[in-house]
Amino acid sequence: MATSDPRHQFGQASETQAEQFLLAKGYRILDRNVRTPLGELDLVAEDQGVVVFVEVKGRTTEAFGGALLAVNHRKRAKLTKLAALYLAQRHWSDKACRFDVVLVQGRPSDQGQIEHLQNAFDVGERGRF
């Protein structure tokens, strides 16, 4: 959906940059911007047989810390619920999964710097719900 909101445009550009970064690393993108009544998953990918839920954060400056600080406990809990819903809807509850965070820092037009945290946080034994 096209928007004139500069913050939304920046978020979309950051997600595109993160998607291209992950594709270059060999990830397969399964979904983007999965909207549910509970919220939205930015990117869902597959990496060597593991379903990866990727939270993308775009920042124009370093003022708010790195990727790990961008996803607090509350956000992690929400992502966990969204991932469980995603897996249940596809009858994939037996698949291994993990949560990655990608921080895009700087303007996308400047090819912002990317920080990628694989397995940024755990939700259960061996990454399974």
C-alpha atoms as a PDB file:
ATOM      1  CA  MET A   1       0.000   0.000   0.000  1.00  0.00           C
ATOM      2  CA  ALA A   2       1.469   3.347  -1.024  1.00  0.00           C
ATOM      3  CA  THR A   3       1.552   6.034   1.605  1.00  0.00           C
ATOM      4  CA  SER A   4       2.707   9.629   1.860  1.00  0.00           C
ATOM      5  CA  ASP A   5       3.708   9.267   5.534  1.00  0.00           C
ATOM      6  CA  PRO A   6       7.533   9.692   5.579  1.00  0.00           C
ATOM      7  CA  ARG A   7       7.916   7.434   8.644  1.00  0.00           C
ATOM      8  CA  HIS A   8       5.937   4.647   6.962  1.00  0.00           C
ATOM      9  CA  GLN A   9       7.946   5.103   3.754  1.00  0.00           C
ATOM     10  CA  PHE A  10      11.185   4.897   5.754  1.00  0.00           C
ATOM     11  CA  GLY A  11       9.946   1.717   7.460  1.00  0.00           C
ATOM     12  CA  GLN A  12       9.044   0.137   4.129  1.00  0.00           C
ATOM     13  CA  ALA A  13      12.422   1.100   2.628  1.00  0.00           C
ATOM     14  CA  SER A  14      14.196  -0.393   5.658  1.00  0.00           C
ATOM     15  CA  GLU A  15      12.248  -3.640   5.254  1.00  0.00           C
ATOM     16  CA  THR A  16      13.162  -3.781   1.567  1.00  0.00           C
ATOM     17  CA  GLN A  17      16.824  -3.247   2.408  1.00  0.00           C
ATOM     18  CA  ALA A  18      16.667  -5.949   5.111  1.00  0.00           C
ATOM     19  CA  GLU A  19      14.946  -8.340   2.682  1.00  0.00           C
ATOM     20  CA  GLN A  20      17.672  -7.826   0.060  1.00  0.00           C
ATOM     21  CA  PHE A  21      20.344  -8.344   2.729  1.00  0.00           C
ATOM     22  CA  LEU A  22      18.785 -11.649   3.838  1.00  0.00           C
ATOM     23  CA  LEU A  23      18.310 -12.853   0.253  1.00  0.00           C
ATOM     24  CA  ALA A  24      22.016 -12.203  -0.359  1.00  0.00           C
ATOM     25  CA  LYS A  25      22.778 -14.368   2.701  1.00  0.00           C
ATOM     26  CA  GLY A  26      20.768 -17.237   1.203  1.00  0.00           C
ATOM     27  CA  TYR A  27      17.509 -16.834   3.109  1.00  0.00           C
ATOM     28  CA  ARG A  28      14.273 -17.592   1.273  1.00  0.00           C
ATOM     29  CA  ILE A  29      11.572 -14.997   1.966  1.00  0.00           C
ATOM     30  CA  LEU A  30       8.232 -16.696   2.702  1.00  0.00           C
ATOM     31  CA  ASP A  31       6.127 -13.649   3.591  1.00  0.00           C
ATOM     32  CA  ARG A  32       6.373  -9.925   4.147  1.00  0.00           C
ATOM     33  CA  ASN A  33       4.127  -7.679   6.250  1.00  0.00           C
ATOM     34  CA  VAL A  34       1.875 -10.453   7.545  1.00  0.00           C
ATOM     35  CA  ARG A  35      -1.013  -8.604   9.181  1.00  0.00           C
ATOM     36  CA  THR A  36      -3.188 -10.208  11.861  1.00  0.00           C
ATOM     37  CA  PRO A  37      -5.610  -8.833  14.448  1.00  0.00           C
ATOM     38  CA  LEU A  38      -2.727  -9.126  16.954  1.00  0.00           C
ATOM     39  CA  GLY A  39      -0.211  -7.144  14.891  1.00  0.00           C
ATOM     40  CA  GLU A  40       2.217  -7.531  12.018  1.00  0.00           C
ATOM     41  CA  LEU A  41       5.210  -9.709  11.223  1.00  0.00           C
ATOM     42  CA  ASP A  42       7.741  -7.766   9.141  1.00  0.00           C
ATOM     43  CA  LEU A  43       9.438 -10.680   7.363  1.00  0.00           C
ATOM     44  CA  VAL A  44       9.090 -14.454   7.548  1.00  0.00           C
ATOM     45  CA  ALA A  45      11.946 -16.360   5.962  1.00  0.00           C
ATOM     46  CA  GLU A  46      13.437 -19.823   5.744  1.00  0.00           C
ATOM     47  CA  ASP A  47      17.097 -20.437   6.534  1.00  0.00           C
ATOM     48  CA  GLN A  48      18.402 -23.995   6.187  1.00  0.00           C
ATOM     49  CA  GLY A  49      15.045 -25.538   7.090  1.00  0.00           C
ATOM     50  CA  VAL A  50      14.325 -23.178   9.980  1.00  0.00           C
ATOM     51  CA  VAL A  51      11.391 -20.747   9.857  1.00  0.00           C
ATOM     52  CA  VAL A  52      12.788 -17.329  10.774  1.00  0.00           C
ATOM     53  CA  PHE A  53      10.614 -14.494  12.037  1.00  0.00           C
ATOM     54  CA  VAL A  54      12.489 -11.287  11.308  1.00  0.00           C
ATOM     55  CA  GLU A  55      11.747  -8.038  13.088  1.00  0.00           C
ATOM     56  CA  VAL A  56      13.091  -5.075  11.124  1.00  0.00           C
ATOM     57  CA  LYS A  57      13.886  -1.790  12.805  1.00  0.00           C
ATOM     58  CA  GLY A  58      14.911   1.296  10.864  1.00  0.00           C
ATOM     59  CA  ARG A  59      16.757   4.098  12.583  1.00  0.00           C
ATOM     60  CA  THR A  60      18.145   7.273  11.057  1.00  0.00           C
ATOM     61  CA  THR A  61      20.596   7.791  13.924  1.00  0.00           C
ATOM     62  CA  GLU A  62      22.394   5.782  16.604  1.00  0.00           C
ATOM     63  CA  ALA A  63      20.524   7.685  19.320  1.00  0.00           C
ATOM     64  CA  PHE A  64      18.382   4.734  20.403  1.00  0.00           C
ATOM     65  CA  GLY A  65      20.950   1.925  20.596  1.00  0.00           C
ATOM     66  CA  GLY A  66      21.514  -1.189  18.547  1.00  0.00           C
ATOM     67  CA  ALA A  67      19.298  -3.965  17.266  1.00  0.00           C
ATOM     68  CA  LEU A  68      18.944  -5.763  20.563  1.00  0.00           C
ATOM     69  CA  LEU A  69      17.688  -2.642  22.309  1.00  0.00           C
ATOM     70  CA  ALA A  70      15.164  -2.075  19.523  1.00  0.00           C
ATOM     71  CA  VAL A  71      13.130  -5.131  20.574  1.00  0.00           C
ATOM     72  CA  ASN A  72      12.122  -4.960  24.211  1.00  0.00           C
ATOM     73  CA  HIS A  73      10.431  -7.623  26.345  1.00  0.00           C
ATOM     74  CA  ARG A  74       6.935  -6.465  25.385  1.00  0.00           C
ATOM     75  CA  LYS A  75       7.758  -6.586  21.664  1.00  0.00           C
ATOM     76  CA  ARG A  76       9.313 -10.037  22.066  1.00  0.00           C
ATOM     77  CA  ALA A  77       6.147 -11.326  23.747  1.00  0.00           C
ATOM     78  CA  LYS A  78       4.032  -9.922  20.914  1.00  0.00           C
ATOM     79  CA  LEU A  79       6.293 -11.441  18.238  1.00  0.00           C
ATOM     80  CA  THR A  80       6.065 -14.799  20.006  1.00  0.00           C
ATOM     81  CA  LYS A  81       2.256 -14.711  19.850  1.00  0.00           C
ATOM     82  CA  LEU A  82       2.292 -13.646  16.198  1.00  0.00           C
ATOM     83  CA  ALA A  83       4.718 -16.434  15.303  1.00  0.00           C
ATOM     84  CA  ALA A  84       2.614 -19.039  17.098  1.00  0.00           C
ATOM     85  CA  LEU A  85      -0.451 -17.850  15.191  1.00  0.00           C
ATOM     86  CA  TYR A  86       1.457 -17.921  11.882  1.00  0.00           C
ATOM     87  CA  LEU A  87       2.700 -21.463  12.484  1.00  0.00           C
ATOM     88  CA  ALA A  88      -0.720 -22.695  13.645  1.00  0.00           C
ATOM     89  CA  GLN A  89      -2.483 -21.260  10.594  1.00  0.00           C
ATOM     90  CA  ARG A  90      -0.121 -23.203   8.342  1.00  0.00           C
ATOM     91  CA  HIS A  91      -0.150 -26.370  10.479  1.00  0.00           C
ATOM     92  CA  TRP A  92       3.614 -25.926  10.947  1.00  0.00           C
ATOM     93  CA  SER A  93       3.701 -26.228  14.733  1.00  0.00           C
ATOM     94  CA  ASP A  94       6.328 -28.994  14.456  1.00  0.00           C
ATOM     95  CA  LYS A  95       8.799 -26.818  12.510  1.00  0.00           C
ATOM     96  CA  ALA A  96      11.892 -25.380  14.121  1.00  0.00           C
ATOM     97  CA  CYS A  97      11.867 -21.610  14.225  1.00  0.00           C
ATOM     98  CA  ARG A  98      13.833 -18.678  15.552  1.00  0.00           C
ATOM     99  CA  PHE A  99      13.651 -14.926  15.860  1.00  0.00           C
ATOM    100  CA  ASP A 100      16.133 -12.619  14.138  1.00  0.00           C
ATOM    101  CA  VAL A 101      16.341  -8.845  14.372  1.00  0.00           C
ATOM    102  CA  VAL A 102      17.653  -6.649  11.576  1.00  0.00           C
ATOM    103  CA  LEU A 103      18.482  -3.050  12.348  1.00  0.00           C
ATOM    104  CA  VAL A 104      18.892  -0.723   9.364  1.00  0.00           C
ATOM    105  CA  GLN A 105      20.647   2.407  10.492  1.00  0.00           C
ATOM    106  CA  GLY A 106      20.895   5.493   8.322  1.00  0.00           C
ATOM    107  CA  ARG A 107      18.937   6.545   5.271  1.00  0.00           C
ATOM    108  CA  PRO A 108      18.212   3.765   2.744  1.00  0.00           C
ATOM    109  CA  SER A 109      19.348   6.158  -0.006  1.00  0.00           C
ATOM    110  CA  ASP A 110      22.762   6.099   1.702  1.00  0.00           C
ATOM    111  CA  GLN A 111      22.672   2.269   1.832  1.00  0.00           C
ATOM    112  CA  GLY A 112      22.284   2.351   5.601  1.00  0.00           C
ATOM    113  CA  GLN A 113      24.382   0.133   7.809  1.00  0.00           C
ATOM    114  CA  ILE A 114      22.788  -3.220   8.665  1.00  0.00           C
ATOM    115  CA  GLU A 115      23.121  -5.053  11.969  1.00  0.00           C
ATOM    116  CA  HIS A 116      21.719  -8.613  11.912  1.00  0.00           C
ATOM    117  CA  LEU A 117      21.187 -10.606  15.092  1.00  0.00           C
ATOM    118  CA  GLN A 118      20.467 -14.259  14.399  1.00  0.00           C
ATOM    119  CA  ASN A 119      18.470 -16.003  17.112  1.00  0.00           C
ATOM    120  CA  ALA A 120      18.021 -12.683  18.893  1.00  0.00           C
ATOM    121  CA  PHE A 121      15.900 -14.270  21.626  1.00  0.00           C
ATOM    122  CA  ASP A 122      14.504 -17.651  22.661  1.00  0.00           C
ATOM    123  CA  VAL A 123      10.919 -18.610  23.388  1.00  0.00           C
ATOM    124  CA  GLY A 124      11.084 -22.278  24.281  1.00  0.00           C
ATOM    125  CA  GLU A 125      12.996 -25.493  24.153  1.00  0.00           C
ATOM    126  CA  ARG A 126      14.949 -25.910  20.939  1.00  0.00           C
ATOM    127  CA  GLY A 127      13.039 -23.083  19.276  1.00  0.00           C
ATOM    128  CA  ARG A 128       9.781 -25.012  19.019  1.00  0.00           C
ATOM    129  CA  PHE A 129       6.386 -23.913  20.216  1.00  0.00           C
END
